[in-house]
C-alpha atoms as a PDB file:
ATOM      1  CA  MET A   1      85.883 -15.998  93.296  1.00  0.00           C
ATOM      2  CA  ALA A   2      82.683 -14.319  92.122  1.00  0.00           C
ATOM      3  CA  ALA A   3      80.957 -11.731  94.275  1.00  0.00           C
ATOM      4  CA  ALA A   4      78.132 -13.005  96.476  1.00  0.00           C
ATOM      5  CA  HIS A   5      75.966 -10.053  95.570  1.00  0.00           C
ATOM      6  CA  THR A   6      74.447  -8.643  92.407  1.00  0.00           C
ATOM      7  CA  LYS A   7      74.415  -5.051  91.207  1.00  0.00           C
ATOM      8  CA  THR A   8      71.895  -3.572  88.778  1.00  0.00           C
ATOM      9  CA  THR A   9      72.262  -0.076  87.378  1.00  0.00           C
ATOM     10  CA  THR A  10      69.709   2.474  86.189  1.00  0.00           C
ATOM     11  CA  ILE A  11      66.662   1.327  88.138  1.00  0.00           C
ATOM     12  CA  THR A  12      65.063   4.664  89.050  1.00  0.00           C
ATOM     13  CA  ALA A  13      65.625   8.366  88.798  1.00  0.00           C
ATOM     14  CA  LEU A  14      66.216   8.484  92.558  1.00  0.00           C
ATOM     15  CA  GLY A  15      68.846   5.790  92.960  1.00  0.00           C
ATOM     16  CA  GLY A  16      70.506   4.209  89.963  1.00  0.00           C
ATOM     17  CA  ILE A  17      71.960   1.180  91.752  1.00  0.00           C
ATOM     18  CA  LEU A  18      70.172  -1.801  93.271  1.00  0.00           C
ATOM     19  CA  VAL A  19      72.414  -4.208  95.176  1.00  0.00           C
ATOM     20  CA  THR A  20      70.992  -7.559  96.320  1.00  0.00           C
ATOM     21  CA  ASP A  21      72.951  -9.861  98.612  1.00  0.00           C
ATOM     22  CA  PHE A  22      71.182 -13.224  98.772  1.00  0.00           C
ATOM     23  CA  ASP A  23      73.321 -14.572 101.627  1.00  0.00           C
ATOM     24  CA  ALA A  24      74.407 -11.738 103.910  1.00  0.00           C
ATOM     25  CA  ASP A  25      76.663 -12.999 106.670  1.00  0.00           C
ATOM     26  CA  ALA A  26      79.415 -11.886 109.040  1.00  0.00           C
ATOM     27  CA  ASP A  27      81.994 -11.651 106.224  1.00  0.00           C
ATOM     28  CA  SER A  28      82.175  -8.213 104.669  1.00  0.00           C
ATOM     29  CA  GLU A  29      80.946  -7.675 101.112  1.00  0.00           C
ATOM     30  CA  ASN A  30      83.275  -4.912  99.999  1.00  0.00           C
ATOM     31  CA  ASP A  31      82.544  -2.005  97.652  1.00  0.00           C
ATOM     32  CA  VAL A  32      79.086  -3.346  96.778  1.00  0.00           C
ATOM     33  CA  THR A  33      78.036  -0.358  94.656  1.00  0.00           C
ATOM     34  CA  GLY A  34      81.290  -0.025  92.751  1.00  0.00           C
ATOM     35  CA  ASN A  35      81.142   3.721  93.454  1.00  0.00           C
ATOM     36  CA  THR A  36      83.563   5.542  95.697  1.00  0.00           C
ATOM     37  CA  SER A  37      80.872   8.071  96.577  1.00  0.00           C
ATOM     38  CA  GLY A  38      77.129   8.440  96.283  1.00  0.00           C
ATOM     39  CA  THR A  39      73.937   8.423  98.284  1.00  0.00           C
ATOM     40  CA  LEU A  40      72.184   5.591 100.114  1.00  0.00           C
ATOM     41  CA  TYR A  41      68.365   5.774  99.780  1.00  0.00           C
ATOM     42  CA  LEU A  42      66.837   2.469 100.855  1.00  0.00           C
ATOM     43  CA  VAL A  43      67.839  -0.608 102.852  1.00  0.00           C
ATOM     44  CA  GLU A  44      65.779  -3.790 103.153  1.00  0.00           C
ATOM     45  CA  VAL A  45      66.778  -6.631 105.492  1.00  0.00           C
ATOM     46  CA  ASP A  46      64.827  -9.865 104.933  1.00  0.00           C
ATOM     47  CA  ASN A  47      65.396 -12.028 108.001  1.00  0.00           C
ATOM     48  CA  THR A  48      62.367 -14.301 107.515  1.00  0.00           C
ATOM     49  CA  ALA A  49      64.564 -17.432 107.334  1.00  0.00           C
ATOM     50  CA  ASN A  50      65.757 -16.964 110.937  1.00  0.00           C
ATOM     51  CA  ALA A  51      62.861 -17.753 113.255  1.00  0.00           C
ATOM     52  CA  SER A  52      64.754 -17.312 116.521  1.00  0.00           C
ATOM     53  CA  SER A  53      67.431 -14.656 115.962  1.00  0.00           C
ATOM     54  CA  ALA A  54      67.518 -11.028 114.943  1.00  0.00           C
ATOM     55  CA  ALA A  55      69.724  -9.703 112.158  1.00  0.00           C
ATOM     56  CA  TYR A  56      71.874  -6.587 112.330  1.00  0.00           C
ATOM     57  CA  LEU A  57      72.979  -5.312 108.937  1.00  0.00           C
ATOM     58  CA  ARG A  58      76.079  -3.193 109.246  1.00  0.00           C
ATOM     59  CA  ILE A  59      77.159  -0.843 106.454  1.00  0.00           C
ATOM     60  CA  ARG A  60      80.453   1.018 106.540  1.00  0.00           C
ATOM     61  CA  ASP A  61      81.351   4.013 104.404  1.00  0.00           C
ATOM     62  CA  ALA A  62      84.539   2.343 103.165  1.00  0.00           C
ATOM     63  CA  ALA A  63      85.780   0.465 100.113  1.00  0.00           C
ATOM     64  CA  SER A  64      86.496  -2.470 102.430  1.00  0.00           C
ATOM     65  CA  ALA A  65      85.869  -3.451 106.024  1.00  0.00           C
ATOM     66  CA  VAL A  66      87.125  -6.049 108.473  1.00  0.00           C
ATOM     67  CA  PRO A  67      84.191  -6.657 110.850  1.00  0.00           C
ATOM     68  CA  SER A  68      86.319  -8.037 113.722  1.00  0.00           C
ATOM     69  CA  ASP A  69      88.903  -5.218 113.549  1.00  0.00           C
ATOM     70  CA  VAL A  70      88.371  -2.440 116.091  1.00  0.00           C
ATOM     71  CA  ALA A  71      89.801   0.200 113.735  1.00  0.00           C
ATOM     72  CA  ASN A  72      88.273  -1.050 110.480  1.00  0.00           C
ATOM     73  CA  GLY A  73      85.066  -2.771 111.609  1.00  0.00           C
ATOM     74  CA  VAL A  74      82.985   0.045 113.053  1.00  0.00           C
ATOM     75  CA  PRO A  75      79.884   0.467 110.873  1.00  0.00           C
ATOM     76  CA  THR A  76      78.611   3.837 109.739  1.00  0.00           C
ATOM     77  CA  TRP A  77      75.009   2.569 109.841  1.00  0.00           C
ATOM     78  CA  VAL A  78      73.307  -0.387 111.572  1.00  0.00           C
ATOM     79  CA  PHE A  79      69.887  -1.670 110.466  1.00  0.00           C
ATOM     80  CA  TYR A  80      67.846  -4.120 112.572  1.00  0.00           C
ATOM     81  CA  ALA A  81      65.421  -6.851 111.489  1.00  0.00           C
ATOM     82  CA  ALA A  82      63.630  -8.861 114.153  1.00  0.00           C
ATOM     83  CA  ALA A  83      63.531 -12.650 113.980  1.00  0.00           C
ATOM     84  CA  ALA A  84      61.296 -14.021 111.201  1.00  0.00           C
ATOM     85  CA  SER A  85      60.640 -10.555 109.743  1.00  0.00           C
ATOM     86  CA  THR A  86      61.620  -8.063 107.078  1.00  0.00           C
ATOM     87  CA  ALA A  87      62.527  -4.454 107.840  1.00  0.00           C
ATOM     88  CA  THR A  88      62.738  -1.654 105.288  1.00  0.00           C
ATOM     89  CA  TYR A  89      64.454   1.650 105.952  1.00  0.00           C
ATOM     90  CA  ALA A  90      63.856   4.558 103.565  1.00  0.00           C
ATOM     91  CA  MET A  91      65.960   7.705 103.536  1.00  0.00           C
ATOM     92  CA  PRO A  92      64.064  10.096 101.233  1.00  0.00           C
ATOM     93  CA  LEU A  93      66.826  12.715 101.313  1.00  0.00           C
ATOM     94  CA  GLY A  94      69.499  10.034 101.223  1.00  0.00           C
ATOM     95  CA  ALA A  95      72.595   9.438 103.313  1.00  0.00           C
ATOM     96  CA  ALA A  96      75.808  10.446 101.579  1.00  0.00           C
ATOM     97  CA  TYR A  97      78.819   8.165 101.492  1.00  0.00           C
ATOM     98  CA  SER A  98      82.287   9.142 100.328  1.00  0.00           C
ATOM     99  CA  ALA A  99      84.494   6.026 100.188  1.00  0.00           C
ATOM    100  CA  GLY A 100      82.232   3.189  98.992  1.00  0.00           C
ATOM    101  CA  LEU A 101      79.851   0.827 100.778  1.00  0.00           C
ATOM    102  CA  SER A 102      80.871  -2.374 102.518  1.00  0.00           C
ATOM    103  CA  MET A 103      78.315  -4.453 104.421  1.00  0.00           C
ATOM    104  CA  TRP A 104      77.984  -7.493 106.658  1.00  0.00           C
ATOM    105  CA  CYS A 105      75.281  -9.056 108.849  1.00  0.00           C
ATOM    106  CA  THR A 106      75.426 -10.424 112.403  1.00  0.00           C
ATOM    107  CA  THR A 107      73.046 -11.742 115.054  1.00  0.00           C
ATOM    108  CA  ASN A 108      74.198  -9.397 117.799  1.00  0.00           C
ATOM    109  CA  ASN A 109      74.524  -5.626 118.008  1.00  0.00           C
ATOM    110  CA  ALA A 110      77.742  -5.655 120.066  1.00  0.00           C
ATOM    111  CA  ALA A 111      80.676  -3.860 118.443  1.00  0.00           C
ATOM    112  CA  GLN A 112      82.893  -6.073 116.264  1.00  0.00           C
ATOM    113  CA  ASN A 113      80.457  -8.978 116.627  1.00  0.00           C
ATOM    114  CA  THR A 114      81.142 -11.758 114.110  1.00  0.00           C
ATOM    115  CA  SER A 115      78.229 -14.132 114.828  1.00  0.00           C
ATOM    116  CA  ALA A 116      76.701 -14.930 111.439  1.00  0.00           C
ATOM    117  CA  PRO A 117      72.993 -15.659 111.035  1.00  0.00           C
ATOM    118  CA  SER A 118      72.170 -19.394 110.917  1.00  0.00           C
ATOM    119  CA  ASN A 119      70.128 -19.042 107.712  1.00  0.00           C
ATOM    120  CA  LYS A 120      70.289 -16.728 104.731  1.00  0.00           C
ATOM    121  CA  VAL A 121      69.504 -13.058 105.226  1.00  0.00           C
ATOM    122  CA  ILE A 122      68.628 -11.233 102.019  1.00  0.00           C
ATOM    123  CA  VAL A 123      69.694  -7.596 101.803  1.00  0.00           C
ATOM    124  CA  ARG A 124      68.705  -5.050  99.191  1.00  0.00           C
ATOM    125  CA  ILE A 125      70.012  -1.508  98.999  1.00  0.00           C
ATOM    126  CA  VAL A 126      69.190   1.314  96.603  1.00  0.00           C
ATOM    127  CA  ALA A 127      71.929   3.885  96.136  1.00  0.00           C
ATOM    128  CA  SER A 128      73.401   6.227  93.582  1.00  0.00           C
END
């Protein structure tokens, strides 16, 4: 099965990898950068398709993640986008990761939540 995300390399001097997930949901997209280590610089969560529910993008510093697993589903970072909106988070100095990046999106901030958004959430990250 093909990956549900795309990866582009060499986009800027700051971060050489742009990952776009056109349908972020509660299932983990594993090792989205293809790098075991690097730096996360920018995260954009486009939740405009969901008029009545927020989106919580969860990213784990891990080659893979199991969102419902207490031991393997705790995110390293959580990014919020209100209903019907887009949120962009910039980290000018970057946030280092050491094992890879895995990500998933839910409608609730509770730990190990697996409620997927009703409509597509588009996620873009810039990393190295």
